[in-house]
Protein backbone atom coordinates (compact mmCIF):
# COMPACT_ATOMS: atom_id res chain seq x y z
CA MET A 1 140.98 62.54 107.24
CA VAL A 2 138.12 64.81 108.20
CA LYS A 3 138.47 65.94 112.19
CA ILE A 4 136.10 68.36 114.20
CA GLY A 5 138.89 69.04 117.10
CA ASN A 6 140.12 65.79 118.21
CA ILE A 7 136.33 64.24 116.58
CA ASN A 8 137.60 61.61 113.70
CA LEU A 9 135.03 61.68 110.95
CA GLY A 10 136.59 59.07 108.98
CA GLU A 11 137.50 59.94 105.09
CA PHE A 12 134.14 61.27 104.17
CA PRO A 13 131.33 61.73 106.72
CA LEU A 14 128.19 61.77 106.28
CA LEU A 15 125.57 63.88 108.73
CA LEU A 16 122.58 63.80 109.67
CA ALA A 17 120.71 66.94 109.55
CA PRO A 18 119.16 68.38 112.52
CA MET A 19 114.98 68.65 111.70
CA GLU A 20 112.53 69.88 114.19
CA ASP A 21 110.11 66.95 115.54
CA VAL A 22 112.12 64.44 113.12
CA THR A 23 115.53 63.67 114.12
CA ASP A 24 114.75 63.05 117.79
CA PRO A 25 116.99 60.20 119.84
CA PRO A 26 114.77 57.09 118.28
CA PHE A 27 114.76 58.16 114.87
CA ARG A 28 118.90 59.41 114.78
CA TYR A 29 119.33 55.52 117.07
CA VAL A 30 117.65 53.68 113.57
CA CYS A 31 120.11 56.30 111.45
CA LYS A 32 122.96 55.53 113.30
CA MET A 33 122.69 51.80 112.91
CA PHE A 34 122.62 52.37 108.76
CA GLY A 35 125.70 54.83 108.59
CA ALA A 36 125.13 57.89 110.07
CA ASP A 37 128.96 59.51 111.10
CA LEU A 38 127.93 62.54 112.67
CA MET A 39 124.10 63.66 114.08
CA TYR A 40 122.92 66.63 115.67
CA THR A 41 119.57 66.84 118.53
CA GLU A 42 116.76 68.98 116.80
CA PHE A 43 117.25 72.66 117.42
CA ILE A 44 117.44 73.84 120.73
CA SER A 45 115.68 77.33 121.69
CA SER A 46 118.44 79.09 123.81
CA GLU A 47 115.77 80.96 126.18
CA GLY A 48 113.84 77.79 126.40
CA LEU A 49 117.24 76.29 127.54
CA ILE A 50 118.04 78.52 130.03
CA ARG A 51 114.40 78.61 131.39
CA ASP A 52 114.82 75.24 131.99
CA ALA A 53 111.63 74.86 129.76
CA ASP A 54 110.51 71.35 129.58
CA LYS A 55 110.50 70.45 125.71
CA SER A 56 113.91 72.30 125.33
CA VAL A 57 115.51 70.37 128.03
CA LYS A 58 114.05 67.50 127.14
CA LYS A 59 116.08 67.88 123.85
CA LEU A 60 119.58 67.18 125.30
CA ASP A 61 118.36 64.07 125.66
CA PHE A 62 121.07 61.58 123.55
CA GLU A 63 122.70 57.93 124.12
CA ASP A 64 126.26 57.22 124.51
CA ALA A 65 125.73 54.82 121.12
CA GLU A 66 124.88 58.27 119.19
CA HIS A 67 128.23 59.74 119.75
CA PRO A 68 129.51 61.77 118.61
CA ILE A 69 127.00 63.93 118.36
CA GLY A 70 126.12 67.78 118.28
CA ILE A 71 123.35 69.64 120.54
CA GLN A 72 122.48 72.50 118.12
CA ILE A 73 121.00 76.11 119.45
CA PHE A 74 119.62 78.91 118.18
CA GLY A 75 118.68 82.43 119.19
CA HIS A 76 118.38 85.74 118.48
CA ASP A 77 120.21 87.24 122.02
CA ILE A 78 124.11 86.81 122.12
CA GLY A 79 123.78 86.45 126.01
CA SER A 80 120.87 83.81 125.78
CA MET A 81 122.93 81.75 123.29
CA THR A 82 125.98 81.81 125.49
CA ALA A 83 124.40 80.61 128.63
CA ALA A 84 122.86 78.00 126.70
CA ALA A 85 125.88 76.84 124.94
CA ARG A 86 127.27 76.21 128.50
CA TYR A 87 124.12 74.63 129.50
CA ALA A 88 124.04 72.72 126.29
CA GLU A 89 128.46 71.58 127.39
CA LYS A 90 127.08 69.99 130.90
CA ALA A 91 125.11 67.38 128.80
CA HIS A 92 128.66 66.10 127.35
CA PRO A 93 127.69 66.57 123.92
CA ASP A 94 131.02 66.30 121.26
CA LEU A 95 130.67 69.48 120.37
CA ILE A 96 128.00 72.50 120.18
CA ASP A 97 126.45 73.93 116.96
CA ILE A 98 124.57 77.08 116.12
CA ASN A 99 121.81 77.10 113.96
CA PHE A 100 121.82 80.18 111.46
CA GLY A 101 120.00 78.42 108.81
CA CYS A 102 116.20 77.24 109.75
CA PRO A 103 113.83 79.13 107.49
CA VAL A 104 111.01 78.75 109.54
CA LYS A 105 108.98 82.42 109.31
CA LYS A 106 108.42 82.49 113.70
CA VAL A 107 112.47 82.00 113.79
CA GLY A 108 113.16 84.08 111.45
CA ALA A 109 111.01 86.59 112.16
CA LYS A 110 113.04 87.54 115.57
CA GLY A 111 115.87 87.09 113.81
CA ALA A 112 116.98 84.11 115.19
CA GLY A 113 118.27 81.08 112.51
CA SER A 114 118.19 82.16 108.99
CA GLY A 115 116.93 85.52 109.70
CA ILE A 116 120.41 86.87 111.62
CA LEU A 117 121.95 86.51 107.90
CA ASN A 118 120.54 89.98 107.20
CA ASP A 119 122.70 91.45 109.96
CA ILE A 120 126.11 89.27 109.48
CA PRO A 121 128.38 91.81 112.11
CA LYS A 122 126.01 90.31 114.74
CA MET A 123 126.08 86.86 113.51
CA VAL A 124 130.09 86.85 113.60
CA LYS A 125 129.74 88.85 117.17
CA MET A 126 127.36 85.99 118.17
CA THR A 127 129.48 82.92 116.79
CA ALA A 128 132.36 84.12 118.35
CA ALA A 129 130.92 84.85 122.28
CA VAL A 130 129.62 81.03 121.85
CA VAL A 131 132.94 79.94 120.53
CA LYS A 132 134.81 81.99 123.48
CA ALA A 133 132.07 80.51 126.05
CA VAL A 134 132.49 76.96 125.79
CA SER A 135 135.47 74.47 125.94
CA LEU A 136 134.09 71.98 123.03
CA PRO A 137 133.96 72.78 119.00
CA VAL A 138 131.58 74.84 117.91
CA THR A 139 130.54 74.38 114.52
CA VAL A 140 127.69 76.25 112.36
CA LYS A 141 125.18 75.53 109.97
CA THR A 142 123.79 78.54 107.39
CA ARG A 143 122.69 78.93 104.17
CA LEU A 144 123.71 80.72 101.51
CA GLY A 145 122.82 84.45 102.48
CA TYR A 146 119.63 86.24 102.97
CA ASP A 147 118.51 86.81 99.40
CA GLU A 148 119.20 87.38 95.68
CA GLU A 149 121.03 90.33 96.45
CA HIS A 150 123.27 88.79 99.11
CA ARG A 151 124.63 85.58 98.41
CA GLU A 152 127.09 86.52 101.03
CA ILE A 153 128.34 82.73 102.07
CA VAL A 154 131.71 83.15 100.87
CA ASP A 155 132.68 86.37 102.99
CA ILE A 156 130.72 84.99 105.81
CA ALA A 157 132.64 81.81 105.85
CA GLU A 158 135.78 83.21 106.00
CA ARG A 159 134.04 85.46 108.83
CA LEU A 160 133.04 82.71 110.74
CA GLN A 161 135.93 80.70 110.48
CA ASP A 162 138.17 83.85 112.18
CA THR A 163 136.02 83.49 115.56
CA GLY A 164 137.22 79.91 115.85
CA ILE A 165 134.70 77.51 114.48
CA GLN A 166 135.95 74.20 113.86
CA ALA A 167 133.72 72.92 111.06
CA LEU A 168 130.59 74.91 108.56
CA ALA A 169 127.64 73.28 106.80
CA ILE A 170 126.49 75.03 103.81
CA HIS A 171 122.63 74.52 103.31
CA GLY A 172 123.03 75.76 98.90
CA ARG A 173 119.80 77.61 99.02
CA LEU A 174 118.72 81.44 100.65
CA ARG A 175 116.63 82.98 103.44
CA THR A 176 114.39 83.33 101.01
CA THR A 177 114.62 80.49 98.51
CA ARG A 178 111.16 77.61 98.93
CA TYR A 179 112.51 73.89 98.65
CA SER A 180 111.09 73.70 95.24
CA THR A 181 113.68 75.78 94.04
CA PRO A 182 116.77 73.35 93.37
CA ALA A 183 120.25 73.75 95.68
CA ASP A 184 122.86 75.74 94.40
CA TRP A 185 125.81 74.28 94.89
CA SER A 186 128.15 76.69 93.40
CA LEU A 187 128.86 79.01 96.31
CA ILE A 188 129.48 75.75 98.14
CA GLY A 189 132.34 74.79 95.94
CA GLU A 190 133.31 78.34 96.31
CA VAL A 191 133.64 78.21 100.13
CA LYS A 192 135.47 74.51 100.07
CA ASN A 193 137.89 76.14 96.89
CA ASN A 194 138.68 79.42 98.71
CA PRO A 195 142.34 79.09 99.98
CA ARG A 196 141.63 80.73 102.67
CA MET A 197 139.25 77.87 104.30
CA HIS A 198 140.95 75.18 106.26
CA ILE A 199 137.57 74.01 108.41
CA PRO A 200 135.56 71.39 107.06
CA ILE A 201 133.29 71.86 104.76
CA PHE A 202 129.91 69.81 104.61
CA GLY A 203 127.72 70.47 101.50
CA ASN A 204 123.67 70.13 102.28
CA GLY A 205 120.79 70.38 99.99
CA ASP A 206 119.25 68.10 97.66
CA VAL A 207 121.05 64.88 98.36
CA ASN A 208 118.32 62.78 97.51
CA ASP A 209 120.41 59.50 96.46
CA PRO A 210 123.76 57.68 95.95
CA VAL A 211 123.80 59.10 92.57
CA SER A 212 123.20 62.77 93.74
CA ALA A 213 125.55 62.31 96.66
CA LYS A 214 128.64 61.46 94.34
CA HIS A 215 128.03 64.44 91.80
CA PHE A 216 127.98 66.61 94.81
CA LYS A 217 131.62 64.75 96.46
CA GLU A 218 133.29 65.07 93.18
CA THR A 219 131.94 67.89 91.52
CA TYR A 220 132.37 70.44 94.41
CA GLY A 221 135.20 68.79 96.83
CA VAL A 222 133.58 69.59 99.86
CA ASP A 223 134.71 67.20 103.10
CA GLY A 224 131.45 65.22 103.56
CA LEU A 225 127.74 65.68 102.86
CA MET A 226 124.64 66.69 105.06
CA ILE A 227 121.81 64.44 104.58
CA GLY A 228 118.30 66.25 105.59
CA ARG A 229 114.85 65.77 103.61
CA ALA A 230 115.94 62.38 101.88
CA VAL A 231 116.44 60.41 105.27
CA TYR A 232 113.09 61.19 106.56
CA GLY A 233 111.21 57.11 106.34
CA ASN A 234 114.29 56.06 104.47
CA PRO A 235 117.24 55.93 107.16
CA TRP A 236 118.93 53.13 104.91
CA ILE A 237 120.31 55.90 102.70
CA PHE A 238 123.63 56.25 104.66
CA ARG A 239 124.23 52.84 103.78
CA GLU A 240 122.99 53.03 100.55
CA ILE A 241 125.47 55.58 99.63
CA LYS A 242 128.76 54.35 101.65
CA HIS A 243 128.00 51.15 99.22
CA TYR A 244 127.67 53.30 96.37
CA PHE A 245 130.69 55.11 96.82
CA ALA A 246 132.99 51.76 97.38
CA THR A 247 131.57 49.75 94.94
CA GLY A 248 129.66 52.15 92.47
CA GLU A 249 126.49 49.47 92.66
CA LEU A 250 123.48 50.89 93.42
CA LEU A 251 121.65 48.47 96.61
CA PRO A 252 117.91 47.59 96.04
CA ALA A 253 115.29 49.38 98.32
CA ALA A 254 114.99 48.34 101.45
CA GLY A 255 112.66 45.44 101.37
CA ILE A 256 109.47 44.78 103.22
CA GLU A 257 110.74 42.59 106.31
CA GLU A 258 113.56 44.99 107.25
CA ARG A 259 110.81 47.92 106.96
CA VAL A 260 108.70 46.37 109.18
CA ARG A 261 111.46 45.71 111.12
CA ILE A 262 112.41 49.27 111.76
CA CYS A 263 109.34 50.50 112.25
CA MET A 264 109.26 48.20 115.23
CA LEU A 265 112.24 48.87 116.35
CA HIS A 266 111.34 53.23 115.97
CA LEU A 267 108.19 52.44 117.49
CA GLU A 268 109.59 50.77 120.52
CA ARG A 269 112.51 53.14 121.30
CA SER A 270 109.76 56.08 120.77
CA VAL A 271 107.48 54.72 122.97
CA ALA A 272 110.09 54.07 125.82
CA TRP A 273 111.40 57.50 125.12
CA LYS A 274 108.02 59.89 125.34
CA GLY A 275 105.84 57.26 126.77
CA GLU A 276 103.29 55.29 124.80
CA ARG A 277 100.33 58.10 124.33
CA ARG A 278 102.69 60.50 123.08
CA GLY A 279 105.38 57.93 121.54
CA ILE A 280 102.27 56.65 119.01
CA MET A 281 101.01 59.94 118.03
CA GLU A 282 104.34 61.49 117.14
CA ILE A 283 105.56 58.41 114.94
CA ARG A 284 102.64 58.90 113.21
CA LYS A 285 103.71 61.03 110.86
CA HIS A 286 106.62 58.52 109.67
CA TRP A 287 104.25 56.11 109.15
CA SER A 288 103.86 57.66 104.79
CA ALA A 289 107.21 58.01 104.43
CA TYR A 290 108.49 54.70 105.66
CA PHE A 291 106.04 52.66 102.87
CA LYS A 292 106.36 55.30 100.29
CA GLY A 293 105.93 54.17 96.89
CA PHE A 294 103.74 50.75 98.25
CA PRO A 295 100.61 50.36 96.05
CA GLY A 296 97.80 50.14 98.20
CA PHE A 297 99.43 51.48 101.71
CA LYS A 298 96.32 54.22 102.21
CA PRO A 299 94.53 51.07 104.30
CA PHE A 300 97.31 50.51 106.59
CA ARG A 301 98.31 54.30 106.95
CA ILE A 302 94.82 55.51 108.22
CA ARG A 303 94.62 52.59 110.88
CA LEU A 304 98.32 53.47 112.03
CA MET A 305 97.02 56.66 112.49
CA GLU A 306 93.71 56.20 114.26
CA ALA A 307 95.60 53.25 116.67
CA GLN A 308 95.72 54.11 120.04
CA SER A 309 97.90 51.14 121.52
CA ALA A 310 101.58 50.16 120.84
CA GLU A 311 100.15 46.54 120.37
CA ALA A 312 98.00 47.59 118.06
CA VAL A 313 100.49 49.49 115.92
CA LYS A 314 102.41 46.20 116.18
CA GLU A 315 99.53 44.37 114.61
CA ILE A 316 98.81 46.21 111.86
CA LEU A 317 102.64 46.31 111.10
CA GLN A 318 102.60 42.95 110.97
CA ASP A 319 99.48 43.05 108.62
CA ILE A 320 101.65 45.21 106.31
CA LEU A 321 103.95 42.60 106.66
CA HIS A 322 101.69 39.54 105.65
CA ASN A 323 100.24 41.98 102.78
CA PHE A 324 103.16 43.51 100.79
CA SER A 325 105.43 40.04 101.09
CA GLY A 326 106.73 39.71 97.83
CA GLU A 327 106.90 43.23 96.82
CA ARG A 328 110.04 44.86 95.77
């Protein structure tokens, strides 16, 4: 049984990776429906949070149905990070997660996200300060190291564990590695198999389908998997992986009826949380992903991108259902 503090995550949990502008409450809701065992907020700027910036504070929102859930924070200043952790704790999540993995240039250039991998002593000091600042479990997500000359995750993991964190998620790429390069799981395996490590280790990177999930689970012995880009437009992946683990059988891809049903639900919750105009605008990035692989979808995508009301979107989704019924 995998536990983070007193949080029981089951035998082999599947985690939804935090992704900016993707894993908001409406999308997290549908991922939870299909079996995500632990989810996180979008990553939240510590500076924005302690200044009560609307965008940052809004990201603290989550529903009871989303538990267990972690609030993920990032920043470059230790004082701001500890203050932000205390602020986030008041929202009553199950844990606080520190983002040491974001590769975005504007984040890393300030020494936040994966940029802090260029200053491991500060990384350790910041983590220790956050652990001390809150009563909730603290976890970390990070990468293998800063660059090819600094693949230091085995040592980093030990040092982070010594600060008191209660789980570690490792993305199998470096700060400088592009997504076109396959994730390197060998070092994730080394961390997991290090006899000094006793906290749960979650692997992340290229978990794209049930077959790859089983390979990483069996080859590297991690305690669970964190799934990122593969869940985009595919919340069913959690159900598919769990079914494959249990039976060895691959479930068929979700059919058009289920895709349209989930799109309707996602739309309704997006509008309810953000308001109609913003909800419609921000869900647009999901349409191509939800219907990826359906030939002839482009005209419908254009219509969805141009729709100005929730009712108009629903009408287009009904047209999609009618047009593609019988496929897949």
